[in-house]
Amino acid sequence: MIRIFESGDAALLEPLTCRRAPLEIQVGGTTLKGALEQRWNELFELAPLLAGKRLSAAADFWPSRNLIEILARGGGNFTLKADGRPVAWLSDGDEADANAVTVTPDEKSFRIVYPWHILSVNEDLLGTIRESRIAGTVRERVTIDGALVLGEGSVVLPGVYMEGVVVIGRNCKIGPNCYIRGTTFIGDKCHVGQAVEIKNSILMDHVAAGHLSYIGDSIVCPKTNFGAGTIISNFRHDGCNHRSMVNGELVDTRRRKFGAIIGDNVHTGIHSAIYPGRKIWPDAAMRPGTVVQKDLKQNDHEGK
């Protein structure tokens, strides 16, 4: 049995958590809760003798596959501690075993504290997919240079080039003539249209980017619409890590490529430009030609 419990400060994950609990964030073709359950279930697959035990895990900690293998080799109860506090434990009941061995995470495991950490979860989840699974329709003159997971009712139109691992949900329209690369997840009922490039991003349900846009290393919440020619920058001219404003302080994201975190029901104007590392809160409506230089709160239409 696996129990995922809420932990951490949900406000630090805004604007992703403005309309949902952290465990409900879409990532990698599922939710964060589903992704965590999937990852921790690998422990029981590797060590079947542990099947009768109970695993409790914090929602704000992502275990690497290597860590799961280490824990499976241990073959018994454990308490996993990160930053001095328990983030997971295996025991015979809901409470941690006081006599269990204490384990520390490896370097590839991490705390899920800020929105960009969800991108890292998505990269890890999708990074091991090797084979395509096509339930929708792929038209002629589509190139799949990697792996595509395509949901029922979705159609990929001519001229689309996909590179890397791309997971697309149900009832989506992709193309014509767009470029999708990296580890990219696109949810249900999305539209990615003519001359749109998406790189290493998460587009949740009902997102539309119909024309001439670039979305790189970004997370886009449901019901967001990109006006034609919307560009999200994801690289600093000096090549340094991106920083993002959280609670009045600039936080190092430790990412050299990082675009934007965009909340629910955002509408960008045509020819909008979004600086890297910016966050846009739900319901923001941007005018044509808007340049988003700082985080954009609701109803701040100037984007200054």
Protein backbone atom coordinates (compact mmCIF):
# COMPACT_ATOMS: atom_id res chain seq x y z
CA MET A 1 0.00 0.00 0.00
CA ILE A 2 1.24 3.49 -0.88
CA ARG A 3 0.10 6.62 0.94
CA ILE A 4 1.07 10.01 -0.49
CA PHE A 5 0.57 12.81 2.01
CA GLU A 6 0.50 16.58 1.49
CA SER A 7 3.56 18.46 2.73
CA GLY A 8 5.50 21.62 2.07
CA ASP A 9 4.22 25.10 1.29
CA ALA A 10 1.74 25.00 -1.62
CA ALA A 11 2.09 28.79 -2.04
CA LEU A 12 5.67 28.32 -3.24
CA LEU A 13 4.30 26.36 -6.21
CA GLU A 14 2.05 29.21 -7.38
CA PRO A 15 0.66 29.89 -9.92
CA LEU A 16 0.38 26.11 -10.46
CA THR A 17 -1.48 25.74 -7.16
CA CYS A 18 -3.80 28.73 -7.45
CA ARG A 19 -6.63 26.50 -8.71
CA ARG A 20 -5.57 23.05 -7.49
CA ALA A 21 -3.79 21.14 -4.75
CA PRO A 22 -0.15 20.21 -5.44
CA LEU A 23 -1.00 16.53 -5.93
CA GLU A 24 -3.45 17.48 -8.71
CA ILE A 25 -0.82 19.18 -10.92
CA GLN A 26 -0.68 17.52 -14.34
CA VAL A 27 2.68 16.04 -15.26
CA GLY A 28 3.93 13.29 -17.56
CA GLY A 29 0.51 12.05 -18.64
CA THR A 30 -0.87 11.80 -15.12
CA THR A 31 -1.02 13.91 -11.95
CA LEU A 32 1.75 14.51 -9.45
CA LYS A 33 0.05 12.04 -7.12
CA GLY A 34 -0.14 9.46 -9.90
CA ALA A 35 3.49 10.04 -10.83
CA LEU A 36 4.64 9.57 -7.23
CA GLU A 37 2.57 6.42 -6.82
CA GLN A 38 3.99 5.10 -10.08
CA ARG A 39 7.57 5.78 -8.99
CA TRP A 40 7.19 4.34 -5.48
CA ASN A 41 5.38 1.27 -6.85
CA GLU A 42 8.64 0.37 -8.58
CA LEU A 43 10.00 -0.43 -5.11
CA PHE A 44 7.49 -3.27 -4.70
CA GLU A 45 8.10 -4.47 -8.26
CA LEU A 46 11.83 -4.76 -7.56
CA ALA A 47 11.35 -6.29 -4.09
CA PRO A 48 8.13 -8.40 -4.12
CA LEU A 49 8.76 -9.56 -0.55
CA LEU A 50 7.90 -6.01 0.61
CA ALA A 51 4.37 -6.26 -0.80
CA GLY A 52 2.72 -6.66 2.62
CA LYS A 53 4.29 -3.50 4.02
CA ARG A 54 3.03 0.11 3.89
CA LEU A 55 4.85 3.00 2.29
CA SER A 56 4.19 6.61 3.30
CA ALA A 57 5.73 9.34 1.14
CA ALA A 58 5.65 13.13 1.14
CA ALA A 59 4.16 14.90 -1.85
CA ASP A 60 7.11 17.31 -2.04
CA PHE A 61 9.86 14.74 -2.59
CA TRP A 62 10.75 13.07 -5.88
CA PRO A 63 12.82 9.85 -5.64
CA SER A 64 15.16 8.91 -8.45
CA ARG A 65 15.05 5.44 -9.97
CA ASN A 66 18.51 4.84 -8.54
CA LEU A 67 17.23 5.61 -5.04
CA ILE A 68 14.32 3.18 -5.53
CA GLU A 69 16.83 0.48 -6.50
CA ILE A 70 18.94 1.20 -3.41
CA LEU A 71 15.89 0.95 -1.14
CA ALA A 72 14.78 -2.28 -2.82
CA ARG A 73 18.17 -3.87 -2.24
CA GLY A 74 17.85 -3.05 1.45
CA GLY A 75 14.91 -5.44 1.62
CA GLY A 76 13.30 -4.08 4.80
CA ASN A 77 11.82 -1.15 6.69
CA PHE A 78 13.47 2.22 6.23
CA THR A 79 13.07 5.91 6.98
CA LEU A 80 14.20 8.27 4.23
CA LYS A 81 15.30 11.69 5.42
CA ALA A 82 15.94 14.80 3.30
CA ASP A 83 17.03 18.12 4.79
CA GLY A 84 16.77 16.57 8.24
CA ARG A 85 13.12 15.48 8.05
CA PRO A 86 11.43 12.21 7.07
CA VAL A 87 10.07 12.30 3.52
CA ALA A 88 9.21 8.61 3.18
CA TRP A 89 9.14 5.47 5.26
CA LEU A 90 8.40 1.78 4.85
CA SER A 91 6.89 0.06 7.85
CA ASP A 92 4.30 -2.47 8.96
CA GLY A 93 1.75 0.30 9.65
CA ASP A 94 1.11 4.00 9.01
CA GLU A 95 3.76 5.19 11.48
CA ALA A 96 7.47 5.05 10.84
CA ASP A 97 9.39 2.14 12.38
CA ALA A 98 11.61 3.52 15.15
CA ASN A 99 14.07 0.67 14.56
CA ALA A 100 14.23 1.02 10.78
CA VAL A 101 17.42 1.94 8.97
CA THR A 102 17.78 5.63 8.07
CA VAL A 103 18.59 6.41 4.43
CA THR A 104 19.59 9.68 2.76
CA PRO A 105 18.65 10.55 -0.85
CA ASP A 106 21.02 10.33 -3.79
CA GLU A 107 21.97 13.36 -5.89
CA LYS A 108 19.29 12.77 -8.52
CA SER A 109 16.43 12.84 -6.00
CA PHE A 110 15.07 16.25 -5.05
CA ARG A 111 12.52 18.22 -3.08
CA ILE A 112 9.54 19.57 -5.04
CA VAL A 113 9.48 23.13 -3.72
CA TYR A 114 9.12 25.52 -6.66
CA PRO A 115 7.16 25.31 -9.94
CA TRP A 116 10.19 24.52 -12.08
CA HIS A 117 10.75 21.32 -10.10
CA ILE A 118 7.65 19.95 -11.85
CA LEU A 119 9.57 20.26 -15.13
CA SER A 120 12.27 18.02 -13.64
CA VAL A 121 9.64 15.45 -12.67
CA ASN A 122 8.27 15.52 -16.21
CA GLU A 123 11.75 15.08 -17.70
CA ASP A 124 12.41 12.08 -15.46
CA LEU A 125 9.04 10.45 -16.17
CA LEU A 126 9.19 10.82 -19.95
CA GLY A 127 12.93 10.33 -20.33
CA THR A 128 12.77 6.53 -20.23
CA ILE A 129 10.01 6.08 -22.83
CA ARG A 130 11.52 4.29 -25.81
CA GLU A 131 8.58 3.06 -27.88
CA SER A 132 5.67 4.88 -29.50
CA ARG A 133 2.08 4.03 -28.58
CA ILE A 134 -0.40 5.46 -31.05
CA ALA A 135 -4.12 5.40 -30.22
CA GLY A 136 -5.00 8.46 -32.32
CA THR A 137 -4.33 9.33 -35.97
CA VAL A 138 -0.96 10.27 -37.49
CA ARG A 139 -1.34 11.62 -41.04
CA GLU A 140 1.20 11.32 -43.85
CA ARG A 141 4.38 13.44 -43.89
CA VAL A 142 4.76 13.41 -40.11
CA THR A 143 8.25 12.71 -38.74
CA ILE A 144 8.67 11.03 -35.35
CA ASP A 145 12.35 11.08 -34.42
CA GLY A 146 12.04 9.45 -31.01
CA ALA A 147 8.86 8.22 -29.30
CA LEU A 148 5.28 9.46 -29.45
CA VAL A 149 2.48 8.47 -27.07
CA LEU A 150 -0.76 9.67 -28.68
CA GLY A 151 -4.18 9.46 -27.04
CA GLU A 152 -7.52 8.46 -28.55
CA GLY A 153 -9.22 11.00 -30.79
CA SER A 154 -6.06 13.04 -31.30
CA VAL A 155 -4.75 13.81 -34.78
CA VAL A 156 -1.27 14.84 -35.93
CA LEU A 157 -1.42 16.70 -39.24
CA PRO A 158 1.11 16.79 -42.10
CA GLY A 159 4.38 18.64 -41.68
CA VAL A 160 4.75 17.98 -37.95
CA TYR A 161 8.26 17.08 -36.75
CA MET A 162 8.65 15.46 -33.33
CA GLU A 163 12.02 14.89 -31.73
CA GLY A 164 12.67 13.22 -28.38
CA VAL A 165 9.74 11.97 -26.27
CA VAL A 166 6.31 13.52 -26.75
CA VAL A 167 3.20 12.46 -24.81
CA ILE A 168 -0.11 13.82 -26.11
CA GLY A 169 -3.50 13.25 -24.51
CA ARG A 170 -6.93 12.69 -26.04
CA ASN A 171 -8.83 14.76 -28.60
CA CYS A 172 -5.95 17.07 -29.51
CA LYS A 173 -5.17 18.68 -32.86
CA ILE A 174 -1.45 18.96 -33.58
CA GLY A 175 -0.20 20.79 -36.68
CA PRO A 176 0.14 21.30 -39.49
CA ASN A 177 3.81 22.24 -39.73
CA CYS A 178 4.87 22.49 -36.08
CA TYR A 179 7.97 21.31 -34.21
CA ILE A 180 7.77 19.54 -30.84
CA ARG A 181 10.92 18.38 -29.10
CA GLY A 182 12.58 17.46 -25.83
CA THR A 183 10.45 15.73 -23.21
CA THR A 184 7.08 17.35 -23.79
CA PHE A 185 3.68 16.50 -22.31
CA ILE A 186 0.50 17.87 -23.89
CA GLY A 187 -2.80 17.20 -22.11
CA ASP A 188 -6.32 16.56 -23.42
CA LYS A 189 -8.20 18.78 -25.91
CA CYS A 190 -5.18 20.92 -26.80
CA HIS A 191 -4.41 22.66 -30.10
CA VAL A 192 -0.86 23.22 -31.32
CA GLY A 193 -0.98 24.77 -34.75
CA GLN A 194 0.86 26.23 -37.71
CA ALA A 195 4.55 27.10 -37.17
CA VAL A 196 4.44 26.59 -33.39
CA GLU A 197 7.52 25.20 -31.63
CA ILE A 198 7.26 23.53 -28.23
CA LYS A 199 10.37 22.36 -26.43
CA ASN A 200 10.64 20.43 -23.16
CA SER A 201 7.36 21.76 -21.75
CA ILE A 202 4.09 20.83 -20.08
CA LEU A 203 0.81 21.97 -21.60
CA MET A 204 -2.14 20.98 -19.43
CA ASP A 205 -5.70 20.37 -20.69
CA HIS A 206 -7.45 22.78 -23.07
CA VAL A 207 -4.34 24.81 -24.00
CA ALA A 208 -4.32 26.45 -27.44
CA ALA A 209 -1.27 27.75 -29.30
CA GLY A 210 -2.60 28.13 -32.81
CA HIS A 211 -0.08 30.20 -34.71
CA LEU A 212 3.59 31.21 -34.87
CA SER A 213 4.54 30.82 -31.21
CA TYR A 214 7.48 29.43 -29.23
CA ILE A 215 7.02 27.70 -25.86
CA GLY A 216 10.26 26.43 -24.34
CA ASP A 217 10.98 24.85 -20.94
CA SER A 218 7.65 26.10 -19.63
CA ILE A 219 4.53 24.93 -17.79
CA VAL A 220 1.13 26.11 -19.02
CA CYS A 221 -2.02 25.52 -16.97
CA PRO A 222 -5.46 24.64 -18.44
CA LYS A 223 -7.60 26.87 -20.64
CA THR A 224 -4.75 29.17 -21.61
CA ASN A 225 -4.69 30.64 -25.12
CA PHE A 226 -1.61 32.00 -26.88
CA GLY A 227 -2.17 34.87 -29.28
CA ALA A 228 -0.35 34.54 -32.60
CA GLY A 229 3.35 35.27 -32.36
CA THR A 230 3.67 34.80 -28.58
CA ILE A 231 7.30 34.05 -27.73
CA ILE A 232 8.57 32.71 -24.39
CA SER A 233 12.29 33.31 -23.98
CA ASN A 234 14.15 30.54 -22.15
CA PHE A 235 17.83 31.56 -22.31
CA ARG A 236 19.80 34.41 -20.76
CA HIS A 237 22.28 36.26 -22.97
CA ASP A 238 25.03 35.66 -20.39
CA GLY A 239 24.28 31.93 -20.22
CA CYS A 240 23.83 31.99 -16.44
CA ASN A 241 21.16 30.14 -14.49
CA HIS A 242 17.73 31.70 -14.48
CA ARG A 243 16.38 33.24 -11.30
CA SER A 244 12.72 33.62 -10.38
CA MET A 245 11.06 35.92 -7.87
CA VAL A 246 9.49 34.09 -4.91
CA ASN A 247 8.20 35.98 -1.87
CA GLY A 248 10.19 39.06 -2.84
CA GLU A 249 13.49 37.22 -3.30
CA LEU A 250 15.22 36.00 -6.44
CA VAL A 251 15.66 32.23 -6.30
CA ASP A 252 18.24 30.41 -8.39
CA THR A 253 16.35 27.81 -10.46
CA ARG A 254 19.60 25.98 -11.30
CA ARG A 255 18.34 25.80 -14.87
CA ARG A 256 20.15 27.38 -17.82
CA LYS A 257 17.04 26.87 -19.95
CA PHE A 258 13.81 28.00 -18.31
CA GLY A 259 10.80 29.71 -19.82
CA ALA A 260 7.62 30.65 -17.97
CA ILE A 261 5.07 29.29 -15.51
CA ILE A 262 1.62 30.27 -16.73
CA GLY A 263 -1.54 29.86 -14.67
CA ASP A 264 -5.08 28.89 -15.66
CA ASN A 265 -7.16 30.79 -18.20
CA VAL A 266 -4.43 33.19 -19.31
CA HIS A 267 -4.79 34.95 -22.68
CA THR A 268 -1.72 36.43 -24.33
CA GLY A 269 -2.07 39.15 -26.96
CA ILE A 270 -0.61 38.77 -30.43
CA HIS A 271 3.13 39.44 -30.65
CA SER A 272 3.60 39.11 -26.90
CA ALA A 273 7.07 38.45 -25.46
CA ILE A 274 7.69 36.82 -22.09
CA TYR A 275 11.07 37.11 -20.39
CA PRO A 276 12.60 33.86 -19.08
CA GLY A 277 11.81 32.76 -15.53
CA ARG A 278 8.57 34.78 -15.32
CA LYS A 279 5.31 33.60 -13.80
CA ILE A 280 1.84 34.64 -14.90
CA TRP A 281 -1.10 34.24 -12.51
CA PRO A 282 -4.54 32.88 -13.57
CA ASP A 283 -6.96 35.00 -15.61
CA ALA A 284 -4.35 37.51 -16.80
CA ALA A 285 -5.33 39.00 -20.17
CA MET A 286 -2.49 40.62 -22.08
CA ARG A 287 -2.72 43.31 -24.74
CA PRO A 288 -1.12 42.90 -28.18
CA GLY A 289 2.60 43.52 -28.08
CA THR A 290 2.89 43.04 -24.31
CA VAL A 291 6.40 42.49 -22.96
CA VAL A 292 6.32 40.57 -19.65
CA GLN A 293 9.44 41.69 -17.81
CA LYS A 294 8.25 40.82 -14.29
CA ASP A 295 5.85 38.31 -12.80
CA LEU A 296 2.36 39.20 -13.99
CA LYS A 297 -0.44 39.11 -11.44
CA GLN A 298 -4.13 38.93 -12.25
CA ASN A 299 -5.50 41.99 -14.07
CA ASP A 300 -2.06 43.58 -14.45
CA HIS A 301 -2.53 44.00 -18.18
CA GLU A 302 0.56 46.06 -18.81
CA GLY A 303 2.96 43.21 -17.96
CA LYS A 304 5.55 45.58 -16.53
